[in-house]
Amino acid sequence: RSGKLTPSQVAKNIIAMLEDCDKSTPPLRAIVQWDQEQIMMMAEASTARYRNKCTLSYLDGIPVCLKEEFKVVPYHHRVGTVYLGTEPETEDATVAKKLREAGAIIIGVSNMHELGTGTTGCNPNRYHKIPRNPYKPNHFTGGSSSGSAAAVAAGLCPVAIGTDGGGSVRIPASFCGVVGLKGTFGRISPHGCLPLSYSTVSVGPICTSVADAAIVYSILAEPDPLYPYGLKQPKATLSDMCAPDLKGLKLGVDWTFFQACDAEVLSICEKAVEHLQSLGASVVEVSLPEMEEARVAHVVCILSEMRDFLQPDFNKHFQEMNLDTRANLALASQFTALDYITANRQRTRSMRFLREIFTTVNCILTPAVASTAPRIYESDLLTGSSDLSFTVRSMRFMQLGNFTGIPGLVVPIGYSTAGLPISFQVMAKWWDEAVLLRIGLKLEQFRYQTKKPSVYYDILV
């Protein structure tokens, strides 16, 4: 607004940095498709709007990227594969359309775990390669919105859009030390996204800060006539988000569940709970019942739905899929209709338990991920990575939100002794994202320092 900088100047910087990312050793591989002309066209239009003082929204001129799972004109809708999206897209997903209408500059589409089937982000195929964690390039970003989190952490854009069916926004945001919001199921429209699992996936922003996540959320969160599940939602608000303290808020913690994480993660997460208490919130012990049943049921639901949707791909493109994708889809084919029905009965139970819990507390606190980002090994670059015990562990605190549809926010709160980010998660009742953002702002104050990643681009220079 001050005129010291124009969107066009920022866009030129980003283009130079995208070229640099591709040449670095190892390549960052955060953004996998971008187009100089497209970027400059949007930036120049925004520059003119600033000159004429007629900007479209807070996002006007702001660089954003979208996970390759979304249709974005004129890019290929590959969804992390080598066989999908053979032609450039001619139609935008709803979120891409809304970002354009808000004046944002779409700098490209970001890398992802093939078909969203994993939590490492490891994708060895020829179009994607393995995105690197900006804090430690020999570590994974987390998945499946891997490139989205890496792009934000590395400074390429302050906003990226991801999807989250089993932690796919929150895990990479946690591993890359940025903020990730999974909206309530149906809150932000996934229309134009490959419908891999229709009952567990929510859309959400990955951002540099909680305030940025709130801005993006307020622009994207509304009913979409093309997406029936979100039509009846209440209006999205940011009420009390900037309240000076947390007085009157009750924060629920199931300590047995909370403590099932690495010692380093636990110690800093416990301190974060004390920090929230010091701001006037009260911590209430709650019991989250049947968590093991919910975890298994979530896996049955998400994999059954993916297997159902990808049945033609599995038959026709099996040889072109990554090995871990084949293994996951093959595992999914072992579930029966009875398993799926039983899992959905469990969902009804879990939602009922939560409804009761939310009559006594405003939110539920957990660590974000039980460990920090895992190492990348040489073999991963060639054949990919399949570590089921890691997958299970990384999703531990994530699945409840996907299974029952409640919203969750992850905020970085510190670093391990090895220098990898550690994050904290807050979950709230359906449609109550505002309370998450309010608590998130206070968690940011707890983080006494933000370390610059070893791979970092300053697009404002």
Protein backbone atom coordinates (compact mmCIF):
# COMPACT_ATOMS: atom_id res chain seq x y z
CA ARG A 1 0.00 0.00 0.00
CA SER A 2 2.85 2.39 0.77
CA GLY A 3 4.10 1.98 -2.80
CA LYS A 4 7.63 1.06 -1.66
CA LEU A 5 7.21 -2.25 -3.45
CA THR A 6 4.97 -3.48 -6.25
CA PRO A 7 3.52 -6.95 -6.86
CA SER A 8 5.42 -6.93 -10.19
CA GLN A 9 8.77 -6.47 -8.40
CA VAL A 10 7.93 -9.28 -5.98
CA ALA A 11 6.86 -11.52 -8.89
CA LYS A 12 10.18 -10.92 -10.69
CA ASN A 13 12.03 -11.90 -7.51
CA ILE A 14 9.95 -15.06 -7.17
CA ILE A 15 10.62 -16.08 -10.79
CA ALA A 16 14.38 -15.67 -10.23
CA MET A 17 14.11 -17.74 -7.05
CA LEU A 18 12.05 -20.49 -8.69
CA GLU A 19 14.80 -20.82 -11.27
CA ASP A 20 17.37 -20.95 -8.46
CA CYS A 21 15.38 -23.63 -6.53
CA ASP A 22 15.50 -25.93 -9.54
CA LYS A 23 19.27 -25.55 -9.87
CA SER A 24 20.22 -25.89 -6.20
CA THR A 25 21.76 -29.06 -4.81
CA PRO A 26 19.61 -30.83 -3.86
CA PRO A 27 16.70 -29.09 -5.68
CA LEU A 28 13.98 -27.86 -3.27
CA ARG A 29 11.14 -29.29 -5.47
CA ALA A 30 8.45 -27.31 -3.64
CA ILE A 31 6.78 -25.85 -6.75
CA VAL A 32 6.60 -28.42 -9.55
CA GLN A 33 4.81 -26.40 -12.25
CA TRP A 34 5.05 -22.66 -12.81
CA ASP A 35 4.80 -20.26 -15.71
CA GLN A 36 6.60 -16.94 -15.90
CA GLU A 37 4.00 -15.30 -18.16
CA GLN A 38 1.10 -16.31 -15.93
CA ILE A 39 2.85 -14.99 -12.81
CA MET A 40 3.74 -11.65 -14.43
CA MET A 41 0.27 -11.20 -15.91
CA MET A 42 -1.40 -11.50 -12.49
CA ALA A 43 1.28 -9.36 -10.81
CA GLU A 44 0.97 -6.55 -13.35
CA ALA A 45 -2.83 -6.48 -12.99
CA SER A 46 -2.39 -6.23 -9.20
CA THR A 47 0.25 -3.50 -9.52
CA ALA A 48 -2.22 -1.45 -11.57
CA ARG A 49 -4.92 -1.94 -8.92
CA TYR A 50 -2.59 -0.70 -6.17
CA ARG A 51 -1.67 2.30 -8.32
CA ASN A 52 -5.36 3.13 -8.79
CA LYS A 53 -6.19 2.36 -5.14
CA CYS A 54 -8.83 -0.22 -6.07
CA THR A 55 -7.45 -3.47 -4.59
CA LEU A 56 -9.74 -6.49 -4.43
CA SER A 57 -8.95 -7.89 -0.96
CA TYR A 58 -6.20 -8.33 1.63
CA LEU A 59 -4.78 -11.03 -0.66
CA ASP A 60 -4.37 -8.71 -3.65
CA GLY A 61 -0.81 -9.06 -4.93
CA ILE A 62 0.03 -11.80 -2.41
CA PRO A 63 1.90 -14.80 -3.87
CA VAL A 64 0.18 -18.16 -3.28
CA CYS A 65 0.59 -21.73 -4.53
CA LEU A 66 -1.88 -24.60 -4.62
CA LYS A 67 -1.27 -28.31 -4.11
CA GLU A 68 -1.26 -30.23 -7.39
CA GLU A 69 -4.45 -31.98 -6.23
CA PHE A 70 -6.38 -28.82 -7.29
CA LYS A 71 -7.22 -27.90 -10.88
CA VAL A 72 -5.39 -24.68 -11.72
CA VAL A 73 -5.44 -23.19 -15.23
CA PRO A 74 -3.17 -23.67 -17.25
CA TYR A 75 -1.24 -26.33 -15.31
CA HIS A 76 -1.45 -30.13 -15.51
CA HIS A 77 -3.70 -31.70 -12.87
CA ARG A 78 -1.27 -34.57 -12.14
CA VAL A 79 -2.04 -35.10 -8.44
CA GLY A 80 1.50 -36.33 -7.87
CA THR A 81 1.35 -39.00 -10.60
CA VAL A 82 2.98 -39.45 -14.01
CA TYR A 83 -0.23 -40.58 -15.72
CA LEU A 84 -2.95 -38.03 -14.77
CA GLY A 85 -3.34 -34.52 -16.21
CA THR A 86 -1.99 -35.25 -19.67
CA GLU A 87 -3.53 -31.98 -20.96
CA PRO A 88 -3.32 -28.51 -19.36
CA GLU A 89 -6.37 -27.61 -17.20
CA THR A 90 -9.03 -25.35 -18.67
CA GLU A 91 -11.08 -24.90 -15.50
CA ASP A 92 -10.11 -23.74 -12.01
CA ALA A 93 -11.00 -25.46 -8.74
CA THR A 94 -13.24 -23.31 -6.53
CA VAL A 95 -10.33 -22.23 -4.28
CA ALA A 96 -8.17 -21.28 -7.27
CA LYS A 97 -11.06 -19.23 -8.65
CA LYS A 98 -11.62 -17.48 -5.32
CA LEU A 99 -7.90 -16.69 -4.96
CA ARG A 100 -7.89 -15.14 -8.44
CA GLU A 101 -11.00 -13.11 -7.60
CA ALA A 102 -9.22 -11.88 -4.46
CA GLY A 103 -6.30 -10.67 -6.62
CA ALA A 104 -3.75 -13.20 -5.35
CA ILE A 105 -0.82 -14.13 -7.60
CA ILE A 106 -0.78 -17.88 -8.19
CA ILE A 107 2.93 -18.69 -8.55
CA GLY A 108 2.32 -22.32 -9.54
CA VAL A 109 1.27 -25.71 -8.24
CA SER A 110 3.12 -27.48 -5.47
CA ASN A 111 4.55 -30.96 -5.07
CA MET A 112 2.62 -33.67 -3.25
CA HIS A 113 2.82 -37.28 -2.17
CA GLU A 114 1.47 -39.37 -5.07
CA LEU A 115 -2.37 -39.41 -4.91
CA GLY A 116 -2.11 -38.21 -1.30
CA THR A 117 -1.34 -41.73 -0.08
CA GLY A 118 1.45 -40.98 2.42
CA THR A 119 2.71 -38.70 5.17
CA THR A 120 6.39 -38.28 4.17
CA GLY A 121 5.96 -36.39 0.90
CA CYS A 122 8.37 -38.85 -0.73
CA ASN A 123 7.55 -38.95 -4.45
CA PRO A 124 10.42 -40.30 -6.58
CA ASN A 125 8.70 -40.12 -9.97
CA ARG A 126 10.14 -38.09 -12.86
CA TYR A 127 7.74 -35.13 -12.68
CA HIS A 128 7.96 -34.56 -8.96
CA LYS A 129 11.07 -35.82 -7.19
CA ILE A 130 11.42 -35.46 -3.44
CA PRO A 131 10.65 -32.06 -1.90
CA ARG A 132 13.19 -31.02 0.72
CA ASN A 133 12.59 -29.70 4.22
CA PRO A 134 13.89 -26.10 4.20
CA TYR A 135 15.17 -26.55 7.78
CA LYS A 136 17.24 -29.62 6.90
CA PRO A 137 17.28 -30.57 3.22
CA ASN A 138 18.21 -34.18 4.05
CA HIS A 139 14.88 -34.55 5.90
CA PHE A 140 11.34 -35.03 4.59
CA THR A 141 8.76 -32.24 4.47
CA GLY A 142 5.89 -34.47 5.59
CA GLY A 143 2.90 -35.17 3.36
CA SER A 144 0.83 -35.18 1.48
CA SER A 145 0.73 -31.37 0.96
CA SER A 146 4.52 -31.51 0.96
CA GLY A 147 5.45 -28.82 -1.57
CA SER A 148 2.89 -26.41 -0.10
CA ALA A 149 4.58 -26.46 3.32
CA ALA A 150 8.10 -26.35 1.83
CA ALA A 151 7.21 -23.34 -0.35
CA VAL A 152 5.91 -21.35 2.62
CA ALA A 153 8.78 -22.34 4.94
CA ALA A 154 11.36 -21.44 2.26
CA GLY A 155 9.80 -17.99 1.81
CA LEU A 156 8.63 -18.50 -1.80
CA CYS A 157 5.09 -17.45 -0.82
CA PRO A 158 3.38 -16.65 2.50
CA VAL A 159 0.30 -18.70 1.61
CA ALA A 160 -0.23 -22.20 0.16
CA ILE A 161 -3.37 -24.29 -0.09
CA GLY A 162 -3.44 -27.97 0.83
CA THR A 163 -5.90 -30.78 1.50
CA ASP A 164 -6.06 -32.87 4.66
CA GLY A 165 -7.59 -36.37 4.81
CA GLY A 166 -5.25 -37.81 7.46
CA GLY A 167 -3.08 -34.86 8.48
CA SER A 168 -1.99 -33.84 4.98
CA VAL A 169 -2.01 -30.09 5.77
CA ARG A 170 -1.02 -30.32 9.43
CA ILE A 171 1.83 -32.87 9.21
CA PRO A 172 3.90 -31.01 6.57
CA ALA A 173 3.14 -27.65 8.24
CA SER A 174 4.46 -29.12 11.51
CA PHE A 175 7.58 -30.65 9.98
CA CYS A 176 8.39 -27.43 8.09
CA GLY A 177 7.74 -25.06 11.02
CA VAL A 178 4.77 -23.14 9.59
CA VAL A 179 1.09 -22.71 10.47
CA GLY A 180 -1.47 -25.17 9.08
CA LEU A 181 -5.26 -24.99 9.39
CA LYS A 182 -7.58 -27.89 8.56
CA GLY A 183 -11.04 -26.38 8.33
CA THR A 184 -14.17 -28.13 9.53
CA PHE A 185 -15.29 -30.78 7.02
CA GLY A 186 -17.05 -28.88 4.22
CA ARG A 187 -16.02 -25.40 5.42
CA ILE A 188 -13.76 -24.63 2.40
CA SER A 189 -14.92 -26.15 -0.86
CA PRO A 190 -12.78 -28.95 -2.35
CA HIS A 191 -14.62 -28.73 -5.69
CA GLY A 192 -12.08 -29.17 -8.49
CA CYS A 193 -9.87 -31.28 -6.28
CA LEU A 194 -9.46 -34.97 -7.10
CA PRO A 195 -12.14 -36.56 -4.82
CA LEU A 196 -9.85 -39.19 -3.32
CA SER A 197 -11.75 -39.63 -0.04
CA TYR A 198 -15.02 -37.75 0.13
CA SER A 199 -15.76 -38.19 3.86
CA THR A 200 -12.39 -37.36 5.48
CA VAL A 201 -10.80 -34.59 3.39
CA SER A 202 -10.88 -30.92 4.36
CA VAL A 203 -9.15 -28.02 2.62
CA GLY A 204 -7.00 -25.49 4.44
CA PRO A 205 -4.25 -22.91 4.21
CA ILE A 206 -0.60 -23.33 5.15
CA CYS A 207 0.81 -19.93 6.09
CA THR A 208 3.72 -18.10 7.66
CA SER A 209 1.61 -16.86 10.58
CA VAL A 210 -1.73 -17.37 12.31
CA ALA A 211 -2.92 -13.91 11.21
CA ASP A 212 -2.23 -14.86 7.57
CA ALA A 213 -4.12 -18.14 8.03
CA ALA A 214 -7.08 -16.15 9.44
CA ILE A 215 -7.12 -13.81 6.41
CA VAL A 216 -7.03 -16.69 3.92
CA TYR A 217 -9.64 -18.63 5.89
CA SER A 218 -11.99 -15.63 5.97
CA ILE A 219 -11.75 -15.31 2.17
CA LEU A 220 -12.10 -19.02 1.28
CA ALA A 221 -14.59 -20.24 3.90
CA GLU A 222 -18.11 -20.12 2.53
CA PRO A 223 -20.71 -22.38 0.94
CA ASP A 224 -20.09 -23.40 -2.67
CA PRO A 225 -23.13 -24.40 -4.77
CA LEU A 226 -20.90 -26.98 -6.49
CA TYR A 227 -20.11 -28.75 -3.19
CA PRO A 228 -23.22 -30.02 -1.36
CA TYR A 229 -21.56 -31.04 1.94
CA GLY A 230 -20.72 -27.46 2.91
CA LEU A 231 -23.98 -25.76 1.99
CA LYS A 232 -25.57 -25.58 5.44
CA GLN A 233 -22.55 -24.13 7.24
CA PRO A 234 -22.85 -21.16 9.64
CA LYS A 235 -21.11 -17.94 8.61
CA ALA A 236 -17.34 -17.97 9.17
CA THR A 237 -16.29 -15.35 11.73
CA LEU A 238 -13.09 -14.30 13.46
CA SER A 239 -14.90 -13.29 16.66
CA ASP A 240 -12.70 -12.53 19.70
CA MET A 241 -9.66 -13.64 17.71
CA CYS A 242 -7.63 -10.67 18.97
CA ALA A 243 -8.83 -10.77 22.60
CA PRO A 244 -5.93 -9.72 24.89
CA ASP A 245 -6.02 -12.94 26.92
CA LEU A 246 -7.65 -16.38 27.08
CA LYS A 247 -9.85 -15.77 30.13
CA GLY A 248 -12.98 -17.90 30.17
CA LEU A 249 -11.62 -20.55 27.79
CA LYS A 250 -11.54 -24.17 28.91
CA LEU A 251 -8.83 -26.26 27.23
CA GLY A 252 -9.29 -30.03 27.29
CA VAL A 253 -6.30 -32.36 27.57
CA ASP A 254 -6.32 -36.16 27.62
CA TRP A 255 -2.88 -36.56 29.19
CA THR A 256 -2.46 -40.26 28.35
CA PHE A 257 -3.09 -39.48 24.68
CA PHE A 258 -1.08 -36.23 24.81
CA GLN A 259 2.03 -37.96 26.20
CA ALA A 260 2.37 -40.56 23.43
CA CYS A 261 5.15 -38.68 21.63
CA ASP A 262 8.93 -38.21 21.68
CA ALA A 263 10.38 -36.77 24.91
CA GLU A 264 11.62 -33.61 23.15
CA VAL A 265 8.20 -32.99 21.65
CA LEU A 266 6.43 -33.66 24.95
CA SER A 267 8.59 -31.35 27.02
CA ILE A 268 7.99 -28.28 24.84
CA CYS A 269 4.30 -29.07 24.32
CA GLU A 270 3.75 -29.28 28.09
CA LYS A 271 5.34 -25.84 28.46
CA ALA A 272 3.01 -24.50 25.76
CA VAL A 273 0.01 -25.72 27.80
CA GLU A 274 1.39 -23.85 30.85
CA HIS A 275 1.78 -20.72 28.70
CA LEU A 276 -1.89 -20.86 27.65
CA GLN A 277 -2.85 -21.32 31.30
CA SER A 278 -0.82 -18.26 32.26
CA LEU A 279 -3.01 -16.22 29.89
CA GLY A 280 -6.13 -17.04 31.86
CA ALA A 281 -7.35 -20.25 30.22
CA SER A 282 -8.17 -23.21 32.44
CA VAL A 283 -6.94 -26.68 31.58
CA VAL A 284 -9.51 -29.43 32.05
CA GLU A 285 -8.60 -33.12 32.00
CA VAL A 286 -10.79 -34.97 29.53
CA SER A 287 -10.91 -38.56 28.39
CA LEU A 288 -11.03 -39.20 24.64
CA PRO A 289 -12.76 -42.59 24.48
CA GLU A 290 -12.14 -45.35 21.92
CA MET A 291 -9.17 -43.62 20.26
CA GLU A 292 -7.73 -46.90 19.00
CA GLU A 293 -11.07 -47.85 17.44
CA ALA A 294 -11.37 -44.38 15.87
CA ARG A 295 -7.83 -44.63 14.47
CA VAL A 296 -8.48 -47.98 12.79
CA ALA A 297 -11.90 -46.85 11.57
CA HIS A 298 -10.39 -43.71 10.01
CA VAL A 299 -7.90 -45.85 8.08
CA VAL A 300 -10.70 -48.15 6.88
CA CYS A 301 -12.77 -45.15 5.72
CA ILE A 302 -10.05 -43.18 3.94
CA LEU A 303 -8.43 -46.20 2.25
CA SER A 304 -11.76 -47.76 1.21
CA GLU A 305 -12.90 -44.50 -0.37
CA MET A 306 -9.56 -43.98 -2.13
CA ARG A 307 -9.55 -47.54 -3.38
CA ASP A 308 -13.11 -47.15 -4.65
CA PHE A 309 -12.33 -43.91 -6.49
CA LEU A 310 -8.98 -45.17 -7.83
CA GLN A 311 -10.17 -48.64 -8.88
CA PRO A 312 -9.86 -47.82 -12.65
CA ASP A 313 -6.38 -46.30 -12.06
CA PHE A 314 -5.28 -49.32 -10.04
CA ASN A 315 -6.30 -51.63 -12.88
CA LYS A 316 -4.99 -49.51 -15.72
CA HIS A 317 -1.98 -47.61 -14.34
CA PHE A 318 -0.68 -50.00 -11.66
CA GLN A 319 2.81 -50.17 -13.26
CA GLU A 320 3.10 -46.38 -13.37
CA MET A 321 2.32 -45.88 -9.69
CA ASN A 322 4.96 -45.52 -6.98
CA LEU A 323 5.56 -48.69 -4.99
CA ASP A 324 4.13 -47.32 -1.73
CA THR A 325 0.95 -46.19 -3.53
CA ARG A 326 0.47 -49.71 -4.91
CA ALA A 327 1.01 -51.20 -1.46
CA ASN A 328 -1.52 -48.87 0.18
CA LEU A 329 -4.18 -49.48 -2.46
CA ALA A 330 -3.55 -53.22 -2.37
CA LEU A 331 -3.99 -53.14 1.43
CA ALA A 332 -7.21 -51.16 0.94
CA SER A 333 -8.63 -53.85 -1.32
CA GLN A 334 -8.66 -56.22 1.67
CA PHE A 335 -11.34 -54.19 3.48
CA THR A 336 -14.90 -55.43 3.14
CA ALA A 337 -18.23 -53.61 2.93
CA LEU A 338 -18.82 -54.82 6.47
CA ASP A 339 -15.56 -53.16 7.63
CA TYR A 340 -16.62 -49.88 6.01
CA ILE A 341 -20.08 -49.93 7.60
CA THR A 342 -18.62 -50.79 11.02
CA ALA A 343 -16.09 -47.96 10.66
CA ASN A 344 -18.88 -45.49 9.93
CA ARG A 345 -20.80 -46.68 12.99
CA GLN A 346 -17.65 -45.89 14.97
CA ARG A 347 -17.64 -42.43 13.40
CA THR A 348 -21.14 -41.78 14.74
CA ARG A 349 -19.99 -42.89 18.22
CA SER A 350 -16.83 -40.75 18.11
CA MET A 351 -18.81 -37.69 17.01
CA ARG A 352 -21.24 -38.25 19.87
CA PHE A 353 -18.37 -38.47 22.40
CA LEU A 354 -16.92 -35.22 21.03
CA ARG A 355 -20.26 -33.46 21.18
CA GLU A 356 -20.36 -34.26 24.90
CA ILE A 357 -16.75 -33.25 25.48
CA PHE A 358 -17.34 -29.90 23.76
CA THR A 359 -20.13 -29.08 26.21
CA THR A 360 -17.42 -28.91 28.92
CA VAL A 361 -14.39 -27.50 27.01
CA ASN A 362 -13.81 -25.07 24.12
CA CYS A 363 -11.05 -27.09 22.54
CA ILE A 364 -8.75 -30.10 22.76
CA LEU A 365 -4.96 -29.71 22.92
CA THR A 366 -2.38 -32.21 21.62
CA PRO A 367 1.14 -32.15 20.21
CA ALA A 368 0.90 -31.81 16.41
CA VAL A 369 3.08 -34.77 15.39
CA ALA A 370 4.66 -37.27 17.80
CA SER A 371 8.14 -36.82 16.29
CA THR A 372 10.15 -34.44 14.09
CA ALA A 373 10.69 -34.84 10.34
CA PRO A 374 12.42 -38.13 9.41
CA ARG A 375 15.63 -38.42 7.38
CA ILE A 376 15.76 -39.00 3.65
CA TYR A 377 17.87 -42.02 2.66
CA GLU A 378 19.54 -42.63 -0.69
CA SER A 379 17.17 -45.50 -1.51
CA ASP A 380 14.15 -43.20 -0.99
CA LEU A 381 15.26 -41.11 -3.97
CA LEU A 382 15.08 -44.14 -6.25
CA THR A 383 12.25 -46.33 -5.00
CA GLY A 384 10.35 -44.15 -2.54
CA SER A 385 9.77 -44.82 1.12
CA SER A 386 7.33 -47.10 2.90
CA ASP A 387 7.45 -47.12 6.68
CA LEU A 388 4.08 -48.07 8.12
CA SER A 389 5.10 -47.55 11.74
CA PHE A 390 6.11 -43.95 10.87
CA THR A 391 2.85 -43.38 8.97
CA VAL A 392 0.81 -44.57 11.94
CA ARG A 393 2.84 -42.43 14.36
CA SER A 394 2.73 -39.29 12.24
CA MET A 395 -1.07 -39.49 11.97
CA ARG A 396 -1.68 -40.26 15.65
CA PHE A 397 -2.92 -36.77 16.67
CA MET A 398 -4.40 -36.00 13.26
CA GLN A 399 -6.98 -38.73 12.61
CA LEU A 400 -9.62 -37.61 15.11
CA GLY A 401 -10.10 -34.35 13.19
CA ASN A 402 -10.39 -36.09 9.82
CA PHE A 403 -12.61 -38.87 11.10
CA THR A 404 -15.15 -36.62 12.85
CA GLY A 405 -14.75 -33.49 10.72
CA ILE A 406 -13.70 -31.10 13.53
CA PRO A 407 -11.21 -28.32 12.65
CA GLY A 408 -7.57 -28.33 13.75
CA LEU A 409 -4.77 -25.76 13.78
CA VAL A 410 -1.05 -26.50 14.11
CA VAL A 411 1.40 -23.80 15.19
CA PRO A 412 5.20 -24.13 15.44
CA ILE A 413 6.36 -23.66 19.04
CA GLY A 414 10.07 -24.57 19.01
CA TYR A 415 12.87 -26.77 17.71
CA SER A 416 14.51 -30.08 18.53
CA THR A 417 18.19 -30.19 19.51
CA ALA A 418 18.84 -31.20 15.88
CA GLY A 419 17.19 -27.93 14.76
CA LEU A 420 13.96 -29.41 13.37
CA PRO A 421 10.60 -27.70 14.04
CA ILE A 422 8.18 -28.93 16.72
CA SER A 423 4.50 -27.91 16.62
CA PHE A 424 1.40 -27.89 18.78
CA GLN A 425 -2.22 -28.67 17.79
CA VAL A 426 -5.53 -27.16 18.89
CA MET A 427 -8.85 -28.75 17.82
CA ALA A 428 -12.30 -27.25 18.37
CA LYS A 429 -15.93 -28.15 17.79
CA TRP A 430 -17.39 -28.08 14.29
CA TRP A 431 -17.37 -24.58 12.65
CA ASP A 432 -15.49 -22.99 15.56
CA GLU A 433 -12.27 -22.12 13.71
CA ALA A 434 -12.35 -18.67 15.37
CA VAL A 435 -11.35 -20.08 18.78
CA LEU A 436 -8.45 -21.99 17.17
CA LEU A 437 -7.11 -18.79 15.63
CA ARG A 438 -7.48 -16.93 18.93
CA ILE A 439 -5.43 -19.57 20.77
CA GLY A 440 -3.00 -19.84 17.84
CA LEU A 441 -2.08 -16.16 18.12
CA LYS A 442 -1.16 -16.76 21.77
CA LEU A 443 0.89 -19.86 20.91
CA GLU A 444 2.97 -17.71 18.56
CA GLN A 445 3.93 -15.51 21.51
CA PHE A 446 5.14 -18.61 23.34
CA ARG A 447 7.68 -19.30 20.57
CA TYR A 448 10.46 -17.00 21.77
CA GLN A 449 12.41 -17.26 18.51
CA THR A 450 11.83 -18.19 14.89
CA LYS A 451 14.93 -19.72 13.34
CA LYS A 452 15.46 -19.08 9.67
CA PRO A 453 15.52 -22.32 7.67
CA SER A 454 18.78 -23.21 5.95
CA VAL A 455 16.98 -22.83 2.60
CA TYR A 456 15.29 -19.43 2.63
CA TYR A 457 14.40 -16.92 -0.07
CA ASP A 458 13.58 -13.30 0.74
CA ILE A 459 11.13 -12.30 -1.98
CA LEU A 460 10.93 -8.70 -0.75
CA VAL A 461 14.58 -7.86 -1.35
